[in-house]
Amino acid sequence: MKGIQIEVCVNSDGNYQKAMQNAAELVAKVMKEEGIPISRVVQHNHFSGKNCYVLVEFWNQFISMVGACTGNTQQQKPVTNNNKYRVMTGTYSTIQAAENVLDVLKHRFGWVSYIEPDGSKWRVKTGTFTGMDAAQAGANKIKAAKLAQVANVVGL
């Protein structure tokens, strides 16, 4: 019945890594002030049973970030994934709609991206991301910006 909950929110044009770093620093500060050991830092599904699909992928990395902020380097090692991935949107019925998304990905996000025909429709694909964490963050950014309802991560 006792706990401290922290929610991390990132605007569609925000910096996901910076938000996670800020959250790690906040968790480390609260741990120090309240005398909480890192072993007691848990995801909200520990209490609710609800899995946060984004944080599940990043949990080991996040705990390592918290450990680095506290000076505790005896943390779980994050799973290193050097595989290459690409984010692929759902289809657009017009080339103009796909070009509008492409413009945002290239000029606002600064990503390498391209359009590819898919039957009579169009699909936008990103360049490669290294690691599932980075690719999933990219897919989430596309969805949060409302550029696509569907953004799938595909391995290369």
N, C-alpha and C. Protein backbone atom coordinates (compact mmCIF):
# COMPACT_ATOMS: atom_id res chain seq x y z
N MET A 1 0.81 -1.20 0.00
CA MET A 1 0.00 0.00 0.00
C MET A 1 0.85 1.26 0.00
N LYS A 2 2.16 1.11 0.07
CA LYS A 2 3.03 2.28 0.04
C LYS A 2 3.90 2.21 -1.19
N GLY A 3 4.02 3.31 -1.87
CA GLY A 3 4.87 3.35 -3.05
C GLY A 3 4.90 4.74 -3.64
N ILE A 4 5.85 4.95 -4.47
CA ILE A 4 5.99 6.21 -5.20
C ILE A 4 5.91 5.84 -6.67
N GLN A 5 5.01 6.48 -7.37
CA GLN A 5 4.82 6.19 -8.79
C GLN A 5 5.32 7.37 -9.61
N ILE A 6 6.03 7.05 -10.67
CA ILE A 6 6.55 8.08 -11.56
C ILE A 6 6.13 7.72 -12.98
N GLU A 7 5.50 8.65 -13.66
CA GLU A 7 5.06 8.47 -15.04
C GLU A 7 5.98 9.28 -15.93
N VAL A 8 6.43 8.68 -17.03
CA VAL A 8 7.28 9.38 -17.98
C VAL A 8 6.44 9.68 -19.22
N CYS A 9 6.38 10.95 -19.58
CA CYS A 9 5.63 11.37 -20.76
C CYS A 9 6.59 12.08 -21.71
N VAL A 10 6.39 11.83 -23.01
CA VAL A 10 7.23 12.46 -24.02
C VAL A 10 6.32 13.02 -25.10
N ASN A 11 6.45 14.30 -25.40
CA ASN A 11 5.70 14.89 -26.51
C ASN A 11 6.12 14.25 -27.82
N SER A 12 5.27 14.32 -28.82
CA SER A 12 5.59 13.72 -30.11
C SER A 12 6.86 14.33 -30.72
N ASP A 13 7.16 15.58 -30.39
CA ASP A 13 8.37 16.20 -30.90
C ASP A 13 9.48 16.21 -29.85
N GLY A 14 9.29 15.45 -28.79
CA GLY A 14 10.24 15.43 -27.69
C GLY A 14 11.40 14.47 -27.91
N ASN A 15 12.32 14.47 -26.98
CA ASN A 15 13.50 13.63 -27.02
C ASN A 15 13.30 12.49 -26.04
N TYR A 16 13.01 11.29 -26.55
CA TYR A 16 12.70 10.14 -25.71
C TYR A 16 13.86 9.81 -24.78
N GLN A 17 15.10 9.77 -25.31
CA GLN A 17 16.24 9.42 -24.49
C GLN A 17 16.44 10.42 -23.35
N LYS A 18 16.23 11.71 -23.64
CA LYS A 18 16.38 12.73 -22.59
C LYS A 18 15.29 12.56 -21.53
N ALA A 19 14.07 12.22 -21.96
CA ALA A 19 12.99 11.99 -21.00
C ALA A 19 13.33 10.81 -20.09
N MET A 20 13.88 9.75 -20.66
CA MET A 20 14.25 8.59 -19.85
C MET A 20 15.41 8.93 -18.91
N GLN A 21 16.36 9.73 -19.38
CA GLN A 21 17.46 10.14 -18.52
C GLN A 21 16.95 11.00 -17.37
N ASN A 22 16.04 11.93 -17.67
CA ASN A 22 15.44 12.75 -16.62
C ASN A 22 14.71 11.88 -15.60
N ALA A 23 13.98 10.87 -16.09
CA ALA A 23 13.25 9.98 -15.19
C ALA A 23 14.23 9.19 -14.32
N ALA A 24 15.32 8.72 -14.91
CA ALA A 24 16.32 7.97 -14.14
C ALA A 24 16.92 8.85 -13.05
N GLU A 25 17.20 10.10 -13.37
CA GLU A 25 17.75 11.03 -12.38
C GLU A 25 16.74 11.30 -11.26
N LEU A 26 15.47 11.43 -11.62
CA LEU A 26 14.44 11.64 -10.61
C LEU A 26 14.30 10.42 -9.70
N VAL A 27 14.29 9.24 -10.28
CA VAL A 27 14.21 8.01 -9.48
C VAL A 27 15.40 7.92 -8.53
N ALA A 28 16.60 8.21 -9.04
CA ALA A 28 17.80 8.17 -8.20
C ALA A 28 17.70 9.17 -7.05
N LYS A 29 17.18 10.36 -7.32
CA LYS A 29 17.02 11.38 -6.29
C LYS A 29 16.04 10.92 -5.21
N VAL A 30 14.90 10.38 -5.64
CA VAL A 30 13.90 9.90 -4.68
C VAL A 30 14.46 8.73 -3.87
N MET A 31 15.19 7.84 -4.54
CA MET A 31 15.80 6.71 -3.82
C MET A 31 16.71 7.21 -2.70
N LYS A 32 17.54 8.20 -3.03
CA LYS A 32 18.47 8.74 -2.04
C LYS A 32 17.72 9.40 -0.88
N GLU A 33 16.74 10.24 -1.22
CA GLU A 33 15.99 10.98 -0.19
C GLU A 33 15.19 10.05 0.72
N GLU A 34 14.66 8.97 0.16
CA GLU A 34 13.77 8.08 0.91
C GLU A 34 14.47 6.81 1.40
N GLY A 35 15.74 6.65 1.06
CA GLY A 35 16.47 5.46 1.47
C GLY A 35 15.97 4.17 0.81
N ILE A 36 15.60 4.27 -0.45
CA ILE A 36 15.06 3.13 -1.18
C ILE A 36 16.19 2.46 -1.95
N PRO A 37 16.40 1.16 -1.76
CA PRO A 37 17.42 0.48 -2.56
C PRO A 37 16.92 0.22 -3.98
N ILE A 38 17.84 0.09 -4.90
CA ILE A 38 17.45 -0.11 -6.29
C ILE A 38 16.68 -1.41 -6.49
N SER A 39 16.88 -2.36 -5.62
CA SER A 39 16.15 -3.63 -5.72
C SER A 39 14.65 -3.45 -5.51
N ARG A 40 14.25 -2.30 -4.95
CA ARG A 40 12.83 -2.02 -4.71
C ARG A 40 12.21 -1.16 -5.80
N VAL A 41 12.99 -0.81 -6.83
CA VAL A 41 12.47 -0.06 -7.97
C VAL A 41 11.88 -1.07 -8.93
N VAL A 42 10.59 -0.95 -9.16
CA VAL A 42 9.88 -1.92 -10.00
C VAL A 42 9.00 -1.19 -10.99
N GLN A 43 8.62 -1.91 -12.05
CA GLN A 43 7.68 -1.38 -13.02
C GLN A 43 6.29 -1.37 -12.41
N HIS A 44 5.39 -0.57 -12.97
CA HIS A 44 4.05 -0.49 -12.41
C HIS A 44 3.29 -1.80 -12.55
N ASN A 45 3.70 -2.67 -13.46
CA ASN A 45 3.00 -3.95 -13.58
C ASN A 45 3.21 -4.83 -12.36
N HIS A 46 4.20 -4.50 -11.55
CA HIS A 46 4.42 -5.22 -10.29
C HIS A 46 3.20 -5.09 -9.39
N PHE A 47 2.52 -3.96 -9.48
CA PHE A 47 1.34 -3.71 -8.66
C PHE A 47 0.04 -3.91 -9.42
N SER A 48 0.02 -3.47 -10.67
CA SER A 48 -1.24 -3.49 -11.42
C SER A 48 -1.42 -4.72 -12.29
N GLY A 49 -0.32 -5.39 -12.63
CA GLY A 49 -0.39 -6.51 -13.56
C GLY A 49 -0.43 -6.06 -15.01
N LYS A 50 -0.55 -4.76 -15.26
CA LYS A 50 -0.61 -4.22 -16.63
C LYS A 50 0.80 -4.01 -17.14
N ASN A 51 1.10 -4.58 -18.31
CA ASN A 51 2.42 -4.41 -18.90
C ASN A 51 2.46 -3.15 -19.75
N CYS A 52 3.43 -2.32 -19.49
CA CYS A 52 3.70 -1.15 -20.31
C CYS A 52 4.60 -1.63 -21.44
N TYR A 53 4.04 -1.77 -22.63
CA TYR A 53 4.79 -2.38 -23.73
C TYR A 53 6.07 -1.64 -24.07
N VAL A 54 6.11 -0.35 -23.83
CA VAL A 54 7.32 0.41 -24.14
C VAL A 54 8.41 0.11 -23.11
N LEU A 55 8.08 0.18 -21.84
CA LEU A 55 9.10 0.04 -20.80
C LEU A 55 9.60 -1.39 -20.65
N VAL A 56 8.80 -2.37 -21.00
CA VAL A 56 9.26 -3.75 -20.91
C VAL A 56 10.54 -3.92 -21.72
N GLU A 57 10.57 -3.35 -22.91
CA GLU A 57 11.74 -3.46 -23.78
C GLU A 57 12.96 -2.73 -23.21
N PHE A 58 12.73 -1.67 -22.47
CA PHE A 58 13.81 -0.80 -22.03
C PHE A 58 14.17 -0.96 -20.56
N TRP A 59 13.53 -1.87 -19.83
CA TRP A 59 13.67 -1.90 -18.38
C TRP A 59 15.11 -2.07 -17.92
N ASN A 60 15.84 -3.04 -18.47
CA ASN A 60 17.23 -3.24 -18.03
C ASN A 60 18.07 -2.00 -18.28
N GLN A 61 17.86 -1.37 -19.42
CA GLN A 61 18.60 -0.14 -19.74
C GLN A 61 18.23 0.95 -18.74
N PHE A 62 16.95 1.08 -18.44
CA PHE A 62 16.51 2.12 -17.51
C PHE A 62 17.11 1.91 -16.12
N ILE A 63 17.08 0.66 -15.63
CA ILE A 63 17.65 0.38 -14.31
C ILE A 63 19.15 0.68 -14.30
N SER A 64 19.83 0.41 -15.39
CA SER A 64 21.25 0.75 -15.49
C SER A 64 21.46 2.26 -15.44
N MET A 65 20.55 3.00 -16.09
CA MET A 65 20.63 4.46 -16.05
C MET A 65 20.44 4.97 -14.62
N VAL A 66 19.48 4.40 -13.91
CA VAL A 66 19.25 4.78 -12.51
C VAL A 66 20.49 4.47 -11.69
N GLY A 67 21.05 3.27 -11.91
CA GLY A 67 22.26 2.88 -11.18
C GLY A 67 23.41 3.83 -11.44
N ALA A 68 23.55 4.28 -12.68
CA ALA A 68 24.62 5.22 -13.01
C ALA A 68 24.41 6.55 -12.28
N CYS A 69 23.15 6.95 -12.14
CA CYS A 69 22.84 8.21 -11.44
C CYS A 69 23.11 8.12 -9.95
N THR A 70 22.98 6.92 -9.39
CA THR A 70 23.21 6.75 -7.95
C THR A 70 24.66 6.40 -7.64
N GLY A 71 25.44 6.14 -8.71
CA GLY A 71 26.81 5.72 -8.51
C GLY A 71 26.92 4.23 -8.24
N ASN A 72 25.82 3.52 -8.32
CA ASN A 72 25.80 2.08 -8.11
C ASN A 72 25.99 1.41 -9.46
N THR A 73 27.17 0.89 -9.70
CA THR A 73 27.45 0.26 -10.99
C THR A 73 27.23 -1.25 -10.95
N GLN A 74 26.72 -1.77 -9.87
CA GLN A 74 26.47 -3.20 -9.73
C GLN A 74 25.07 -3.55 -10.22
N GLN A 75 24.63 -2.93 -11.30
CA GLN A 75 23.27 -3.14 -11.80
C GLN A 75 23.24 -4.25 -12.82
N GLN A 76 22.02 -4.66 -13.15
CA GLN A 76 21.83 -5.62 -14.22
C GLN A 76 22.39 -5.00 -15.49
N LYS A 77 23.07 -5.79 -16.27
CA LYS A 77 23.58 -5.30 -17.54
C LYS A 77 22.44 -5.26 -18.55
N PRO A 78 22.31 -4.17 -19.29
CA PRO A 78 21.26 -4.15 -20.30
C PRO A 78 21.56 -5.17 -21.39
N VAL A 79 20.51 -5.70 -21.96
CA VAL A 79 20.68 -6.62 -23.07
C VAL A 79 21.15 -5.81 -24.27
N THR A 80 22.29 -6.18 -24.81
CA THR A 80 22.83 -5.46 -25.96
C THR A 80 22.30 -6.12 -27.22
N ASN A 81 21.67 -5.34 -28.04
CA ASN A 81 21.11 -5.83 -29.29
C ASN A 81 21.66 -4.95 -30.40
N ASN A 82 22.58 -5.51 -31.16
CA ASN A 82 23.17 -4.76 -32.27
C ASN A 82 22.53 -5.12 -33.60
N ASN A 83 21.41 -5.82 -33.56
CA ASN A 83 20.71 -6.17 -34.79
C ASN A 83 20.15 -4.90 -35.43
N LYS A 84 19.91 -4.96 -36.72
CA LYS A 84 19.39 -3.83 -37.47
C LYS A 84 17.89 -4.00 -37.68
N TYR A 85 17.16 -2.89 -37.52
CA TYR A 85 15.72 -2.88 -37.67
C TYR A 85 15.30 -1.67 -38.48
N ARG A 86 14.11 -1.75 -39.00
CA ARG A 86 13.52 -0.65 -39.76
C ARG A 86 12.08 -0.51 -39.27
N VAL A 87 11.56 0.71 -39.30
CA VAL A 87 10.15 0.94 -38.96
C VAL A 87 9.39 1.11 -40.27
N MET A 88 8.27 0.42 -40.38
CA MET A 88 7.45 0.44 -41.58
C MET A 88 6.03 0.86 -41.17
N THR A 89 5.52 1.89 -41.82
CA THR A 89 4.16 2.35 -41.51
C THR A 89 3.13 1.46 -42.18
N GLY A 90 1.89 1.65 -41.79
CA GLY A 90 0.79 1.06 -42.53
C GLY A 90 0.71 1.72 -43.90
N THR A 91 -0.29 1.39 -44.66
CA THR A 91 -0.38 1.93 -46.03
C THR A 91 -1.18 3.21 -46.09
N TYR A 92 -0.87 4.02 -47.11
CA TYR A 92 -1.58 5.25 -47.40
C TYR A 92 -2.23 5.09 -48.77
N SER A 93 -3.42 5.61 -48.92
CA SER A 93 -4.14 5.42 -50.18
C SER A 93 -3.63 6.34 -51.29
N THR A 94 -2.94 7.41 -50.94
CA THR A 94 -2.40 8.30 -51.98
C THR A 94 -0.92 8.53 -51.77
N ILE A 95 -0.23 8.79 -52.85
CA ILE A 95 1.19 9.09 -52.78
C ILE A 95 1.40 10.39 -52.00
N GLN A 96 0.47 11.34 -52.11
CA GLN A 96 0.60 12.62 -51.40
C GLN A 96 0.60 12.41 -49.89
N ALA A 97 -0.26 11.53 -49.40
CA ALA A 97 -0.31 11.25 -47.96
C ALA A 97 1.03 10.66 -47.50
N ALA A 98 1.57 9.74 -48.28
CA ALA A 98 2.87 9.14 -47.94
C ALA A 98 3.98 10.19 -48.00
N GLU A 99 3.93 11.08 -48.99
CA GLU A 99 4.94 12.14 -49.10
C GLU A 99 4.88 13.10 -47.93
N ASN A 100 3.68 13.38 -47.42
CA ASN A 100 3.54 14.25 -46.25
C ASN A 100 4.23 13.63 -45.04
N VAL A 101 4.04 12.34 -44.84
CA VAL A 101 4.70 11.64 -43.73
C VAL A 101 6.20 11.63 -43.94
N LEU A 102 6.63 11.32 -45.15
CA LEU A 102 8.05 11.30 -45.48
C LEU A 102 8.70 12.64 -45.17
N ASP A 103 8.02 13.72 -45.51
CA ASP A 103 8.54 15.06 -45.26
C ASP A 103 8.79 15.28 -43.77
N VAL A 104 7.86 14.86 -42.94
CA VAL A 104 8.03 15.02 -41.48
C VAL A 104 9.20 14.17 -40.99
N LEU A 105 9.24 12.91 -41.42
CA LEU A 105 10.32 12.03 -40.96
C LEU A 105 11.69 12.56 -41.36
N LYS A 106 11.79 13.07 -42.57
CA LYS A 106 13.09 13.57 -43.05
C LYS A 106 13.46 14.92 -42.45
N HIS A 107 12.52 15.86 -42.48
CA HIS A 107 12.86 17.23 -42.11
C HIS A 107 12.64 17.57 -40.64
N ARG A 108 11.64 17.00 -40.03
CA ARG A 108 11.38 17.30 -38.61
C ARG A 108 12.15 16.35 -37.70
N PHE A 109 12.13 15.04 -38.07
CA PHE A 109 12.83 14.05 -37.24
C PHE A 109 14.29 13.88 -37.64
N GLY A 110 14.62 14.26 -38.89
CA GLY A 110 15.99 14.10 -39.38
C GLY A 110 16.36 12.66 -39.72
N TRP A 111 15.37 11.86 -40.07
CA TRP A 111 15.61 10.44 -40.36
C TRP A 111 15.76 10.19 -41.85
N VAL A 112 16.51 9.17 -42.18
CA VAL A 112 16.54 8.64 -43.54
C VAL A 112 15.25 7.84 -43.70
N SER A 113 14.48 8.13 -44.72
CA SER A 113 13.20 7.45 -44.95
C SER A 113 12.91 7.43 -46.44
N TYR A 114 12.03 6.53 -46.84
CA TYR A 114 11.65 6.46 -48.24
C TYR A 114 10.26 5.88 -48.38
N ILE A 115 9.68 6.08 -49.56
CA ILE A 115 8.34 5.58 -49.88
C ILE A 115 8.49 4.37 -50.78
N GLU A 116 7.62 3.43 -50.54
CA GLU A 116 7.64 2.21 -51.34
C GLU A 116 6.21 1.85 -51.72
N PRO A 117 5.97 1.47 -52.98
CA PRO A 117 4.61 1.06 -53.36
C PRO A 117 4.25 -0.27 -52.71
N ASP A 118 2.97 -0.41 -52.38
CA ASP A 118 2.45 -1.65 -51.82
C ASP A 118 1.12 -1.91 -52.50
N GLY A 119 1.16 -2.58 -53.63
CA GLY A 119 -0.04 -2.75 -54.44
C GLY A 119 -0.47 -1.41 -54.99
N SER A 120 -1.72 -1.04 -54.74
CA SER A 120 -2.22 0.26 -55.21
C SER A 120 -2.04 1.34 -54.15
N LYS A 121 -1.38 1.02 -53.04
CA LYS A 121 -1.17 1.97 -51.94
C LYS A 121 0.31 2.24 -51.76
N TRP A 122 0.61 3.03 -50.74
CA TRP A 122 1.99 3.45 -50.49
C TRP A 122 2.32 3.23 -49.02
N ARG A 123 3.57 2.93 -48.76
CA ARG A 123 4.05 2.67 -47.41
C ARG A 123 5.33 3.48 -47.20
N VAL A 124 5.57 3.95 -45.99
CA VAL A 124 6.80 4.68 -45.67
C VAL A 124 7.66 3.79 -44.79
N LYS A 125 8.95 3.71 -45.13
CA LYS A 125 9.90 2.94 -44.34
C LYS A 125 11.03 3.87 -43.90
N THR A 126 11.54 3.62 -42.71
CA THR A 126 12.68 4.40 -42.22
C THR A 126 13.97 3.73 -42.64
N GLY A 127 15.05 4.45 -42.45
CA GLY A 127 16.37 3.83 -42.57
C GLY A 127 16.53 2.88 -41.40
N THR A 128 17.72 2.38 -41.19
CA THR A 128 17.93 1.37 -40.16
C THR A 128 18.18 1.98 -38.79
N PHE A 129 17.70 1.26 -37.79
CA PHE A 129 17.99 1.55 -36.38
C PHE A 129 18.83 0.39 -35.88
N THR A 130 19.76 0.67 -34.99
CA THR A 130 20.53 -0.39 -34.36
C THR A 130 19.90 -0.69 -33.01
N GLY A 131 19.42 -1.91 -32.87
CA GLY A 131 18.80 -2.36 -31.62
C GLY A 131 17.29 -2.17 -31.63
N MET A 132 16.62 -3.12 -31.00
CA MET A 132 15.16 -3.08 -30.92
C MET A 132 14.67 -1.87 -30.13
N ASP A 133 15.40 -1.49 -29.09
CA ASP A 133 14.98 -0.34 -28.28
C ASP A 133 14.85 0.93 -29.13
N ALA A 134 15.87 1.18 -29.94
CA ALA A 134 15.87 2.38 -30.79
C ALA A 134 14.75 2.30 -31.82
N ALA A 135 14.58 1.13 -32.43
CA ALA A 135 13.54 0.97 -33.44
C ALA A 135 12.15 1.13 -32.84
N GLN A 136 11.92 0.55 -31.67
CA GLN A 136 10.61 0.67 -31.04
C GLN A 136 10.34 2.12 -30.63
N ALA A 137 11.37 2.81 -30.17
CA ALA A 137 11.20 4.23 -29.84
C ALA A 137 10.83 5.02 -31.10
N GLY A 138 11.42 4.66 -32.24
CA GLY A 138 11.08 5.30 -33.51
C GLY A 138 9.63 5.04 -33.89
N ALA A 139 9.19 3.80 -33.77
CA ALA A 139 7.79 3.45 -34.07
C ALA A 139 6.85 4.23 -33.17
N ASN A 140 7.20 4.31 -31.90
CA ASN A 140 6.35 5.05 -30.95
C ASN A 140 6.29 6.53 -31.29
N LYS A 141 7.41 7.08 -31.74
CA LYS A 141 7.44 8.50 -32.10
C LYS A 141 6.55 8.76 -33.31
N ILE A 142 6.56 7.86 -34.29
CA ILE A 142 5.70 7.99 -35.46
C ILE A 142 4.23 7.97 -35.04
N LYS A 143 3.88 7.04 -34.17
CA LYS A 143 2.48 6.94 -33.71
C LYS A 143 2.09 8.16 -32.87
N ALA A 144 2.98 8.58 -31.98
CA ALA A 144 2.67 9.72 -31.11
C ALA A 144 2.47 10.99 -31.92
N ALA A 145 3.20 11.12 -33.02
CA ALA A 145 3.05 12.29 -33.89
C ALA A 145 1.84 12.16 -34.81
N LYS A 146 1.14 11.04 -34.69
CA LYS A 146 -0.07 10.78 -35.48
C LYS A 146 0.21 10.77 -36.98
N LEU A 147 1.40 10.27 -37.32
CA LEU A 147 1.77 10.14 -38.72
C LEU A 147 1.25 8.83 -39.29
N ALA A 148 1.03 7.86 -38.42
CA ALA A 148 0.52 6.56 -38.83
C ALA A 148 -0.15 5.89 -37.65
N GLN A 149 -1.22 5.19 -37.90
CA GLN A 149 -1.86 4.41 -36.84
C GLN A 149 -1.08 3.13 -36.60
N VAL A 150 -0.43 2.65 -37.65
CA VAL A 150 0.36 1.42 -37.56
C VAL A 150 1.81 1.75 -37.90
N ALA A 151 2.71 1.35 -37.04
CA ALA A 151 4.15 1.49 -37.30
C ALA A 151 4.81 0.24 -36.74
N ASN A 152 5.21 -0.64 -37.62
CA ASN A 152 5.78 -1.93 -37.22
C ASN A 152 7.29 -1.91 -37.32
N VAL A 153 7.93 -2.59 -36.38
CA VAL A 153 9.37 -2.77 -36.42
C VAL A 153 9.64 -4.08 -37.15
N VAL A 154 10.51 -4.03 -38.14
CA VAL A 154 10.86 -5.24 -38.89
C VAL A 154 12.38 -5.42 -38.85
N GLY A 155 12.81 -6.65 -38.63
CA GLY A 155 14.23 -6.96 -38.61
C GLY A 155 14.81 -7.03 -40.01
N LEU A 156 16.09 -6.76 -40.11
CA LEU A 156 16.75 -6.82 -41.42
C LEU A 156 17.65 -8.04 -41.47
